[in-house]
Amino acid sequence: MDIEIKMPDLATTEDEVKILRWLIEVGKPVKLGQPLVEIETDKATMDVESVAAGTLRAVLVNEEEMAAVGQVIAIIESAAVSSPPTVLAAAAPEAAPVVVAAAAPVAKRAESMFARNQQARQAAKPDEIALNATEQELARRLQKSKQTIPHYYLTTSANAERMVELRAAAREQNPPQTLVWDAFFVVAIARALKDFPRMAYQFDEARLVSAATGAIGVAAEIDNALYVVAVDNPLSLTMEQVSQQITGKVARIRQADPASKKLVPTAITVTNLGAENIESFAAIINPGEAAILAIGKVTPTVQVVGGEIVIQQRVHMTLSVDHRVANGKYAAGFLSKIMTELESL
């Protein structure tokens, strides 16, 4: 039986990816979960694993060609005996597919790559965890970020009493409303960017390039994978609408909506570990941005207000910044503005 191998949705910003090289020669056996083809997305290079076991019967997209999400890129024959191998060139619209013999250099290159790949990717041992394609891409992107972006970190805290009051008031509405904590920080960042627009730029060799978007990203961990949902035009939304955007988009990811998993450009990202009982932490900058704001939990804190000691709800924030985009003083002003906006909501 022939099994179609389709290009999976890898949550990239593009609908097509480039086929770099086939890791298995046509006519060779394929194991379930075995790296089948190396591809290049807009963010990283990765392997696509086989979803079936059998014999690689045909390749439908050649090396250096583009493949769309959901497009059939190969045929695996599950029977033990297969027909003579072929490589099918991608057909032009309304034209019959052209059958050509597999070129020897391509076959040798694929066989060599496959051998190296097999040496590096042995079967997972009981005490090992195999990463899926999404986790592999995330690992590559964050490693590149940490290696190529000169991070520095600024930490402060803000009075969270007003945020606590607004959340309580929302719950008392009819019907009750839920304001997620991230919504407050999204709005505060969007307002602060008006006075500190440089924080929405990214480094590009001899120049800085504007993010060209008013969207603010919110990091969300879903089923052990990390996603960034984009809140569009937060300055034009109420706090309730911002909160609804966040919860709605997270829900669509949980429901495995393919469109919701695609990377959408954002100016800056918010990441929050307050629910995990973390008071403060420093995050890695999302590639393509100049900063990320890490939020800890809201905790009762002893403060001196007007010469008196009081217990005040406060939240710690750590801003990770690309030093190529903004120096310490500028970024400190931006973080202070975020604090001011949070306290005056």
Protein backbone atom coordinates (compact mmCIF):
# COMPACT_ATOMS: atom_id res chain seq x y z
CA MET A 1 0.00 0.00 0.00
CA ASP A 2 1.29 3.45 -0.90
CA ILE A 3 1.34 6.04 1.90
CA GLU A 4 1.52 9.74 1.09
CA ILE A 5 4.00 11.78 3.13
CA LYS A 6 2.81 15.36 3.46
CA MET A 7 4.72 18.44 4.53
CA PRO A 8 3.70 19.08 8.16
CA ASP A 9 2.71 22.44 9.60
CA LEU A 10 5.83 23.60 11.45
CA ALA A 11 4.28 26.83 12.79
CA THR A 12 6.45 29.09 10.61
CA THR A 13 5.50 32.48 9.24
CA GLU A 14 5.59 31.17 5.66
CA ASP A 15 3.26 28.72 3.92
CA GLU A 16 6.16 27.10 2.04
CA VAL A 17 9.51 25.63 3.04
CA LYS A 18 12.55 24.67 0.98
CA ILE A 19 13.63 21.06 0.51
CA LEU A 20 17.38 21.06 1.18
CA ARG A 21 18.22 17.37 0.83
CA TRP A 22 16.64 13.97 1.06
CA LEU A 23 18.25 11.91 3.81
CA ILE A 24 17.14 8.54 2.42
CA GLU A 25 17.73 7.29 -1.12
CA VAL A 26 14.70 6.29 -3.17
CA GLY A 27 14.25 2.53 -2.94
CA LYS A 28 15.74 2.30 0.57
CA PRO A 29 13.80 1.20 3.68
CA VAL A 30 12.32 3.81 6.02
CA LYS A 31 11.53 3.39 9.70
CA LEU A 32 8.71 5.13 11.54
CA GLY A 33 10.06 8.36 13.06
CA GLN A 34 13.27 8.22 11.00
CA PRO A 35 14.56 11.57 9.64
CA LEU A 36 13.43 11.60 6.03
CA VAL A 37 14.23 15.01 4.58
CA GLU A 38 16.10 18.15 5.64
CA ILE A 39 14.17 21.37 5.11
CA GLU A 40 14.74 25.09 5.56
CA THR A 41 12.05 27.30 7.09
CA ASP A 42 12.13 31.07 7.48
CA LYS A 43 13.64 30.57 10.95
CA ALA A 44 15.71 27.39 10.99
CA THR A 45 16.94 24.22 9.30
CA MET A 46 15.40 21.00 10.55
CA ASP A 47 14.60 17.39 9.70
CA VAL A 48 11.13 16.06 8.90
CA GLU A 49 10.59 12.57 10.24
CA SER A 50 8.72 9.78 8.47
CA VAL A 51 5.21 9.06 9.72
CA ALA A 52 5.24 5.57 8.21
CA ALA A 53 7.50 2.56 7.81
CA GLY A 54 8.24 0.86 4.50
CA THR A 55 10.24 1.67 1.37
CA LEU A 56 10.73 5.16 -0.06
CA ARG A 57 8.93 4.63 -3.36
CA ALA A 58 9.10 8.13 -4.84
CA VAL A 59 10.18 11.69 -4.12
CA LEU A 60 7.71 14.28 -5.41
CA VAL A 61 9.61 17.48 -4.57
CA ASN A 62 13.25 17.68 -5.54
CA GLU A 63 16.07 19.34 -3.61
CA GLU A 64 16.15 23.17 -3.68
CA GLU A 65 12.43 23.25 -4.56
CA MET A 66 9.65 24.67 -2.37
CA ALA A 67 6.91 22.63 -0.72
CA ALA A 68 3.66 23.95 0.72
CA VAL A 69 2.19 22.87 4.04
CA GLY A 70 0.04 19.82 3.41
CA GLN A 71 1.62 19.08 0.03
CA VAL A 72 2.53 15.46 -0.71
CA ILE A 73 6.33 15.34 -0.91
CA ALA A 74 7.01 11.60 -1.04
CA ILE A 75 5.43 8.16 -1.33
CA ILE A 76 6.29 5.32 1.02
CA GLU A 77 5.32 1.80 0.01
CA SER A 78 4.48 -0.30 3.01
CA ALA A 79 4.79 -3.62 1.14
CA ALA A 80 8.03 -5.56 1.53
CA VAL A 81 8.74 -5.56 -2.22
CA SER A 82 8.76 -2.29 -4.13
CA SER A 83 8.87 -1.32 -7.77
CA PRO A 84 11.95 0.23 -9.39
CA PRO A 85 12.56 3.62 -7.74
CA THR A 86 11.79 6.92 -9.44
CA VAL A 87 12.11 10.58 -8.59
CA LEU A 88 9.13 12.65 -9.71
CA ALA A 89 9.88 16.26 -10.56
CA ALA A 90 7.30 18.78 -9.39
CA ALA A 91 4.72 19.14 -12.15
CA ALA A 92 3.74 22.46 -13.69
CA PRO A 93 0.06 23.41 -13.35
CA GLU A 94 -2.22 21.27 -15.59
CA ALA A 95 0.74 19.22 -16.78
CA ALA A 96 1.48 15.52 -16.33
CA PRO A 97 4.29 14.74 -13.87
CA VAL A 98 7.67 14.17 -15.45
CA VAL A 99 9.48 10.99 -14.43
CA VAL A 100 13.27 11.20 -14.35
CA ALA A 101 15.97 8.84 -13.10
CA ALA A 102 17.57 9.66 -9.78
CA ALA A 103 20.85 11.41 -10.44
CA ALA A 104 23.90 9.62 -9.03
CA PRO A 105 25.34 12.70 -7.27
CA VAL A 106 22.01 13.34 -5.56
CA ALA A 107 21.73 9.73 -4.48
CA LYS A 108 25.31 9.69 -3.16
CA ARG A 109 24.79 12.96 -1.29
CA ALA A 110 21.58 11.68 0.25
CA GLU A 111 23.20 8.38 1.20
CA SER A 112 26.16 10.17 2.79
CA MET A 113 23.91 12.59 4.67
CA PHE A 114 21.75 9.71 5.82
CA ALA A 115 24.77 7.84 7.17
CA ARG A 116 25.95 10.89 9.15
CA ASN A 117 22.42 11.51 10.36
CA GLN A 118 22.05 7.97 11.60
CA GLN A 119 25.30 8.20 13.53
CA ALA A 120 24.11 11.35 15.27
CA ARG A 121 20.52 10.17 15.84
CA GLN A 122 20.50 6.76 17.46
CA ALA A 123 17.26 5.37 18.84
CA ALA A 124 16.23 7.17 22.01
CA LYS A 125 17.22 5.35 25.19
CA PRO A 126 14.78 4.88 28.07
CA ASP A 127 16.35 7.83 29.90
CA GLU A 128 16.24 10.14 26.85
CA ILE A 129 13.45 12.35 25.50
CA ALA A 130 13.02 12.72 21.73
CA LEU A 131 12.09 16.25 20.63
CA ASN A 132 9.37 16.83 18.07
CA ALA A 133 9.79 19.24 15.15
CA THR A 134 8.31 22.20 17.03
CA GLU A 135 10.58 21.66 20.03
CA GLN A 136 13.64 21.28 17.78
CA GLU A 137 12.88 24.55 16.01
CA LEU A 138 12.34 26.33 19.32
CA ALA A 139 15.65 25.02 20.63
CA ARG A 140 17.52 26.24 17.55
CA ARG A 141 15.92 29.68 17.61
CA LEU A 142 16.60 30.29 21.30
CA GLN A 143 20.15 28.98 21.03
CA LYS A 144 20.77 31.36 18.14
CA SER A 145 19.23 34.21 20.13
CA LYS A 146 21.44 33.61 23.15
CA GLN A 147 24.57 33.19 21.00
CA THR A 148 24.09 36.18 18.69
CA ILE A 149 22.15 38.77 20.74
CA PRO A 150 24.10 40.62 23.48
CA HIS A 151 21.54 40.39 26.29
CA TYR A 152 21.49 42.54 29.39
CA TYR A 153 18.87 42.66 32.11
CA LEU A 154 17.01 45.31 34.11
CA THR A 155 14.81 44.47 37.10
CA THR A 156 12.25 46.51 39.01
CA SER A 157 8.91 46.07 40.75
CA ALA A 158 5.56 47.78 40.46
CA ASN A 159 2.62 48.41 42.75
CA ALA A 160 0.05 45.79 41.73
CA GLU A 161 -2.80 47.01 43.95
CA ARG A 162 -4.64 48.61 41.02
CA MET A 163 -4.38 45.44 38.94
CA VAL A 164 -5.74 43.37 41.82
CA GLU A 165 -8.67 45.77 42.17
CA LEU A 166 -9.49 45.65 38.45
CA ARG A 167 -9.43 41.84 38.41
CA ALA A 168 -11.75 41.71 41.42
CA ALA A 169 -14.15 44.24 39.85
CA ALA A 170 -14.26 42.23 36.61
CA ARG A 171 -15.25 39.09 38.50
CA GLU A 172 -18.17 40.94 40.09
CA GLN A 173 -19.63 42.04 36.78
CA ASN A 174 -22.75 40.39 35.36
CA PRO A 175 -21.79 38.17 33.68
CA PRO A 176 -18.45 37.76 35.49
CA GLN A 177 -15.33 38.65 33.48
CA THR A 178 -11.82 37.27 33.83
CA LEU A 179 -8.89 39.61 33.27
CA VAL A 180 -5.68 37.64 32.73
CA TRP A 181 -2.58 39.19 34.31
CA ASP A 182 -0.79 39.40 30.95
CA ALA A 183 -3.41 41.84 29.64
CA PHE A 184 -2.24 44.58 32.02
CA PHE A 185 1.37 44.27 30.89
CA VAL A 186 0.43 44.19 27.20
CA VAL A 187 -1.45 47.48 27.56
CA ALA A 188 1.31 49.06 29.66
CA ILE A 189 3.99 48.07 27.12
CA ALA A 190 1.95 49.38 24.20
CA ARG A 191 1.57 52.73 25.93
CA ALA A 192 5.25 52.88 26.91
CA LEU A 193 6.32 52.22 23.32
CA LYS A 194 4.79 55.56 22.30
CA ASP A 195 7.50 57.31 24.34
CA PHE A 196 10.23 54.74 23.66
CA PRO A 197 9.69 53.61 20.04
CA ARG A 198 13.26 52.34 19.67
CA MET A 199 12.29 49.30 21.75
CA ALA A 200 10.15 48.13 18.83
CA TYR A 201 13.14 48.01 16.45
CA GLN A 202 15.52 45.17 15.66
CA PHE A 203 19.22 45.12 14.79
CA ASP A 204 20.15 44.60 11.13
CA GLU A 205 23.91 45.08 10.71
CA ALA A 206 24.47 48.81 10.06
CA ARG A 207 20.90 49.88 10.80
CA LEU A 208 17.87 49.35 13.00
CA VAL A 209 14.66 48.17 11.36
CA SER A 210 11.20 48.90 12.74
CA ALA A 211 9.08 45.91 13.72
CA ALA A 212 6.34 47.55 11.60
CA THR A 213 3.65 46.10 13.84
CA GLY A 214 1.74 47.28 16.86
CA ALA A 215 1.15 43.72 18.05
CA ILE A 216 2.47 42.63 21.45
CA GLY A 217 3.34 38.97 21.93
CA VAL A 218 2.40 36.82 24.91
CA ALA A 219 4.33 33.61 25.51
CA ALA A 220 2.17 30.56 26.19
CA GLU A 221 3.31 27.04 27.10
CA ILE A 222 0.87 24.53 25.64
CA ASP A 223 1.42 20.76 25.70
CA ASN A 224 5.15 21.20 26.42
CA ALA A 225 5.56 23.49 23.40
CA LEU A 226 6.13 27.25 23.56
CA TYR A 227 4.03 29.59 21.42
CA VAL A 228 3.75 33.37 21.16
CA VAL A 229 0.22 34.70 20.61
CA ALA A 230 -0.07 38.19 19.16
CA VAL A 231 -2.37 40.82 20.64
CA ASP A 232 -3.24 43.08 17.73
CA ASN A 233 -3.54 46.85 18.21
CA PRO A 234 -3.78 46.78 22.04
CA LEU A 235 -3.97 50.57 22.23
CA SER A 236 -7.37 50.46 20.54
CA LEU A 237 -8.76 47.77 22.86
CA THR A 238 -10.24 47.71 26.34
CA MET A 239 -8.55 45.60 28.99
CA GLU A 240 -11.35 43.05 28.62
CA GLN A 241 -10.79 42.84 24.85
CA VAL A 242 -7.04 42.35 25.28
CA SER A 243 -7.71 39.58 27.78
CA GLN A 244 -10.21 37.95 25.40
CA GLN A 245 -7.69 38.02 22.56
CA ILE A 246 -5.11 36.25 24.68
CA THR A 247 -7.42 33.56 26.04
CA GLY A 248 -9.14 33.07 22.68
CA LYS A 249 -5.93 32.55 20.74
CA VAL A 250 -4.52 30.20 23.37
CA ALA A 251 -7.75 28.18 23.19
CA ARG A 252 -7.46 27.86 19.40
CA ILE A 253 -3.90 26.54 19.75
CA ARG A 254 -5.12 23.96 22.27
CA GLN A 255 -7.79 22.94 19.74
CA ALA A 256 -5.00 22.31 17.20
CA ASP A 257 -6.08 25.08 14.84
CA PRO A 258 -3.19 25.17 12.27
CA ALA A 259 -3.58 28.89 11.53
CA SER A 260 -3.27 29.79 15.21
CA LYS A 261 0.15 28.12 15.46
CA LYS A 262 1.81 30.23 12.77
CA LEU A 263 4.41 32.74 13.91
CA VAL A 264 3.12 36.30 13.71
CA PRO A 265 5.54 39.26 13.95
CA THR A 266 5.31 41.14 17.25
CA ALA A 267 7.12 44.19 18.56
CA ILE A 268 7.98 42.78 22.00
CA THR A 269 6.98 39.73 24.03
CA VAL A 270 5.63 39.23 27.56
CA THR A 271 6.36 36.01 29.43
CA ASN A 272 4.80 35.25 32.79
CA LEU A 273 5.70 32.57 35.35
CA GLY A 274 3.74 34.06 38.23
CA ALA A 275 1.30 31.14 38.20
CA GLU A 276 4.27 28.82 38.82
CA ASN A 277 5.11 30.63 42.08
CA ILE A 278 8.18 32.33 40.53
CA GLU A 279 8.90 35.79 41.95
CA SER A 280 11.35 36.93 39.25
CA PHE A 281 13.34 35.55 36.33
CA ALA A 282 15.16 36.64 33.16
CA ALA A 283 13.97 35.47 29.74
CA ILE A 284 15.70 34.94 26.38
CA ILE A 285 14.77 37.47 23.70
CA ASN A 286 12.46 36.17 21.00
CA PRO A 287 14.46 36.32 17.71
CA GLY A 288 13.36 39.28 15.60
CA GLU A 289 12.67 41.45 18.64
CA ALA A 290 14.81 43.70 20.82
CA ALA A 291 13.39 42.88 24.25
CA ILE A 292 11.23 40.56 26.33
CA LEU A 293 9.53 41.35 29.64
CA ALA A 294 9.52 38.58 32.25
CA ILE A 295 6.78 38.76 34.88
CA GLY A 296 6.83 37.13 38.31
CA LYS A 297 3.98 36.48 40.73
CA VAL A 298 2.14 39.23 42.59
CA THR A 299 3.14 39.03 46.26
CA PRO A 300 2.41 40.98 49.46
CA THR A 301 5.52 43.04 50.15
CA VAL A 302 6.58 45.32 52.99
CA GLN A 303 6.86 48.89 51.66
CA VAL A 304 7.46 52.32 53.11
CA VAL A 305 4.73 54.68 51.89
CA GLY A 306 4.56 58.27 53.18
CA GLY A 307 6.91 57.39 56.00
CA GLU A 308 4.75 54.46 57.13
CA ILE A 309 5.32 50.74 56.76
CA VAL A 310 2.53 49.06 54.77
CA ILE A 311 1.86 45.70 53.15
CA GLN A 312 1.46 46.24 49.41
CA GLN A 313 0.79 43.85 46.53
CA ARG A 314 3.78 44.14 44.17
CA VAL A 315 5.07 42.38 41.07
CA HIS A 316 8.67 41.96 39.89
CA MET A 317 9.57 42.56 36.25
CA THR A 318 12.81 41.82 34.40
CA LEU A 319 13.42 43.34 30.98
CA SER A 320 15.90 41.49 28.74
CA VAL A 321 17.32 43.88 26.13
CA ASP A 322 19.41 43.65 22.96
CA HIS A 323 22.30 46.05 23.67
CA ARG A 324 22.74 46.67 19.94
CA VAL A 325 19.30 48.31 19.84
CA ALA A 326 19.08 50.21 23.11
CA ASN A 327 21.56 51.23 25.79
CA GLY A 328 20.93 50.83 29.49
CA LYS A 329 19.61 54.31 30.17
CA TYR A 330 17.09 54.20 27.33
CA ALA A 331 15.84 50.74 28.28
CA ALA A 332 15.65 51.77 31.95
CA GLY A 333 13.42 54.66 30.95
CA PHE A 334 11.21 52.25 29.02
CA LEU A 335 10.89 49.88 31.98
CA SER A 336 10.15 52.76 34.33
CA LYS A 337 7.41 53.92 31.96
CA ILE A 338 5.88 50.44 31.97
CA MET A 339 5.87 50.57 35.79
CA THR A 340 4.18 53.99 35.75
CA GLU A 341 1.53 52.79 33.30
CA LEU A 342 0.78 49.71 35.41
CA GLU A 343 0.34 51.80 38.54
CA SER A 344 -1.99 54.29 36.82
CA LEU A 345 -4.32 51.92 34.97
